[in-house]
């Protein structure tokens, strides 16, 4: 059953080299796992609560095992320092696979 993952991020404009390294590593991981980036949105304003990150990216994975394969991989784990340089804000969430309205 498909699983939706969302990433809330703010890119660090002062270290685009780190961003390039991060994307260069994660893109093949996503492809290998069968993940598909569905949509990316720029968050223009926060209406309630603390300021949200600048981007929301929605990714569909074929199943939860594929999500775990990416995020638990040695390659992804090795990106921690690069990720911290590339992003000012970085949060990842999973929508439950049996949630109403989940696109399959």
C-alpha atoms as a PDB file:
ATOM      1  CA  UNK A   1       0.000   0.000   0.000  1.00  0.00           C
ATOM      2  CA  UNK A   2       1.381   3.415  -0.974  1.00  0.00           C
ATOM      3  CA  UNK A   3       2.756   5.691   1.711  1.00  0.00           C
ATOM      4  CA  UNK A   4       2.946   9.474   1.490  1.00  0.00           C
ATOM      5  CA  UNK A   5       5.919  11.292   3.005  1.00  0.00           C
ATOM      6  CA  UNK A   6       6.059  15.047   3.306  1.00  0.00           C
ATOM      7  CA  UNK A   7       9.178  17.142   3.779  1.00  0.00           C
ATOM      8  CA  UNK A   8       9.018  20.631   5.241  1.00  0.00           C
ATOM      9  CA  UNK A   9      12.260  22.415   4.463  1.00  0.00           C
ATOM     10  CA  UNK A  10      14.021  25.731   4.268  1.00  0.00           C
ATOM     11  CA  UNK A  11      17.136  25.705   2.103  1.00  0.00           C
ATOM     12  CA  UNK A  12      20.277  27.377   3.392  1.00  0.00           C
ATOM     13  CA  UNK A  13      21.073  29.892   0.616  1.00  0.00           C
ATOM     14  CA  UNK A  14      24.628  30.232   1.954  1.00  0.00           C
ATOM     15  CA  UNK A  15      25.562  26.594   1.271  1.00  0.00           C
ATOM     16  CA  UNK A  16      24.129  25.532  -2.076  1.00  0.00           C
ATOM     17  CA  UNK A  17      27.076  23.164  -2.528  1.00  0.00           C
ATOM     18  CA  UNK A  18      25.844  21.117   0.450  1.00  0.00           C
ATOM     19  CA  UNK A  19      22.344  21.105  -1.057  1.00  0.00           C
ATOM     20  CA  UNK A  20      23.725  19.804  -4.337  1.00  0.00           C
ATOM     21  CA  UNK A  21      25.599  17.033  -2.507  1.00  0.00           C
ATOM     22  CA  UNK A  22      22.465  16.138  -0.520  1.00  0.00           C
ATOM     23  CA  UNK A  23      20.235  15.976  -3.618  1.00  0.00           C
ATOM     24  CA  UNK A  24      22.884  14.082  -5.571  1.00  0.00           C
ATOM     25  CA  UNK A  25      22.846  11.365  -2.923  1.00  0.00           C
ATOM     26  CA  UNK A  26      19.124  11.223  -2.160  1.00  0.00           C
ATOM     27  CA  UNK A  27      17.835  11.227  -5.757  1.00  0.00           C
ATOM     28  CA  UNK A  28      19.257   7.753  -6.546  1.00  0.00           C
ATOM     29  CA  UNK A  29      18.012   6.455  -3.168  1.00  0.00           C
ATOM     30  CA  UNK A  30      14.479   7.589  -3.987  1.00  0.00           C
ATOM     31  CA  UNK A  31      14.651   6.117  -7.483  1.00  0.00           C
ATOM     32  CA  UNK A  32      15.922   2.779  -6.165  1.00  0.00           C
ATOM     33  CA  UNK A  33      13.093   2.664  -3.607  1.00  0.00           C
ATOM     34  CA  UNK A  34      10.466   3.397  -6.273  1.00  0.00           C
ATOM     35  CA  UNK A  35       9.568   6.752  -4.716  1.00  0.00           C
ATOM     36  CA  UNK A  36       7.953   9.495  -6.774  1.00  0.00           C
ATOM     37  CA  UNK A  37       7.977  13.212  -5.968  1.00  0.00           C
ATOM     38  CA  UNK A  38       4.351  14.190  -6.453  1.00  0.00           C
ATOM     39  CA  UNK A  39       4.461  17.911  -5.816  1.00  0.00           C
ATOM     40  CA  UNK A  40       6.486  20.699  -4.282  1.00  0.00           C
ATOM     41  CA  UNK A  41       4.926  23.824  -2.833  1.00  0.00           C
ATOM     42  CA  UNK A  42       6.409  27.094  -1.668  1.00  0.00           C
ATOM     43  CA  UNK A  43       4.828  28.085   1.638  1.00  0.00           C
ATOM     44  CA  UNK A  44       4.131  31.783   1.283  1.00  0.00           C
ATOM     45  CA  UNK A  45       2.692  32.541   4.715  1.00  0.00           C
ATOM     46  CA  UNK A  46       2.066  31.004   8.119  1.00  0.00           C
ATOM     47  CA  UNK A  47      -1.435  31.814   9.333  1.00  0.00           C
ATOM     48  CA  UNK A  48      -1.361  30.216  12.794  1.00  0.00           C
ATOM     49  CA  UNK A  49       1.558  29.131  14.949  1.00  0.00           C
ATOM     50  CA  UNK A  50       5.281  29.471  14.515  1.00  0.00           C
ATOM     51  CA  UNK A  51       6.695  30.255  11.085  1.00  0.00           C
ATOM     52  CA  UNK A  52       6.597  27.219   8.816  1.00  0.00           C
ATOM     53  CA  UNK A  53       9.526  26.151   6.643  1.00  0.00           C
ATOM     54  CA  UNK A  54       9.596  27.624   3.136  1.00  0.00           C
ATOM     55  CA  UNK A  55       8.890  24.441   1.133  1.00  0.00           C
ATOM     56  CA  UNK A  56       6.562  21.457   1.366  1.00  0.00           C
ATOM     57  CA  UNK A  57       7.435  18.468  -0.820  1.00  0.00           C
ATOM     58  CA  UNK A  58       5.167  15.447  -1.116  1.00  0.00           C
ATOM     59  CA  UNK A  59       6.654  12.073  -2.049  1.00  0.00           C
ATOM     60  CA  UNK A  60       4.816   8.796  -2.677  1.00  0.00           C
ATOM     61  CA  UNK A  61       6.593   5.550  -1.779  1.00  0.00           C
ATOM     62  CA  UNK A  62       5.249   2.150  -2.832  1.00  0.00           C
ATOM     63  CA  UNK A  63       5.128   0.955   0.804  1.00  0.00           C
ATOM     64  CA  UNK A  64       6.529   1.605   4.284  1.00  0.00           C
ATOM     65  CA  UNK A  65       9.450  -0.768   3.683  1.00  0.00           C
ATOM     66  CA  UNK A  66      10.606   1.522   0.852  1.00  0.00           C
ATOM     67  CA  UNK A  67      10.462   4.549   3.177  1.00  0.00           C
ATOM     68  CA  UNK A  68      12.511   2.717   5.792  1.00  0.00           C
ATOM     69  CA  UNK A  69      14.968   1.530   3.148  1.00  0.00           C
ATOM     70  CA  UNK A  70      15.772   5.133   2.202  1.00  0.00           C
ATOM     71  CA  UNK A  71      15.847   6.738   5.643  1.00  0.00           C
ATOM     72  CA  UNK A  72      17.669   3.867   7.361  1.00  0.00           C
ATOM     73  CA  UNK A  73      20.235   3.356   4.608  1.00  0.00           C
ATOM     74  CA  UNK A  74      23.917   3.918   5.333  1.00  0.00           C
ATOM     75  CA  UNK A  75      24.018   6.468   2.500  1.00  0.00           C
ATOM     76  CA  UNK A  76      21.234   8.561   4.016  1.00  0.00           C
ATOM     77  CA  UNK A  77      22.642   8.269   7.534  1.00  0.00           C
ATOM     78  CA  UNK A  78      26.000   9.537   6.252  1.00  0.00           C
ATOM     79  CA  UNK A  79      24.300  12.754   5.047  1.00  0.00           C
ATOM     80  CA  UNK A  80      23.591  14.144   8.518  1.00  0.00           C
ATOM     81  CA  UNK A  81      26.323  16.824   8.476  1.00  0.00           C
ATOM     82  CA  UNK A  82      25.624  17.753   4.851  1.00  0.00           C
ATOM     83  CA  UNK A  83      21.874  17.944   5.549  1.00  0.00           C
ATOM     84  CA  UNK A  84      22.493  20.250   8.518  1.00  0.00           C
ATOM     85  CA  UNK A  85      24.523  22.551   6.258  1.00  0.00           C
ATOM     86  CA  UNK A  86      22.097  22.396   3.315  1.00  0.00           C
ATOM     87  CA  UNK A  87      18.907  23.217   5.237  1.00  0.00           C
ATOM     88  CA  UNK A  88      17.998  25.819   7.840  1.00  0.00           C
ATOM     89  CA  UNK A  89      14.900  23.759   8.645  1.00  0.00           C
ATOM     90  CA  UNK A  90      14.258  20.095   7.833  1.00  0.00           C
ATOM     91  CA  UNK A  91      11.292  18.010   8.966  1.00  0.00           C
ATOM     92  CA  UNK A  92       9.938  14.767   7.517  1.00  0.00           C
ATOM     93  CA  UNK A  93       6.539  13.230   8.243  1.00  0.00           C
ATOM     94  CA  UNK A  94       4.628  10.148   7.126  1.00  0.00           C
ATOM     95  CA  UNK A  95       0.910  10.014   6.385  1.00  0.00           C
ATOM     96  CA  UNK A  96      -0.555   6.756   7.644  1.00  0.00           C
ATOM     97  CA  UNK A  97      -1.016   4.295   4.791  1.00  0.00           C
ATOM     98  CA  UNK A  98      -4.683   3.706   5.600  1.00  0.00           C
ATOM     99  CA  UNK A  99      -5.540   7.394   6.036  1.00  0.00           C
ATOM    100  CA  UNK A 100      -8.712   8.517   4.216  1.00  0.00           C
ATOM    101  CA  UNK A 101      -7.963  10.308   0.974  1.00  0.00           C
ATOM    102  CA  UNK A 102      -4.524   8.747   0.470  1.00  0.00           C
ATOM    103  CA  UNK A 103      -3.713   8.555  -3.225  1.00  0.00           C
ATOM    104  CA  UNK A 104      -2.659   5.081  -4.295  1.00  0.00           C
END
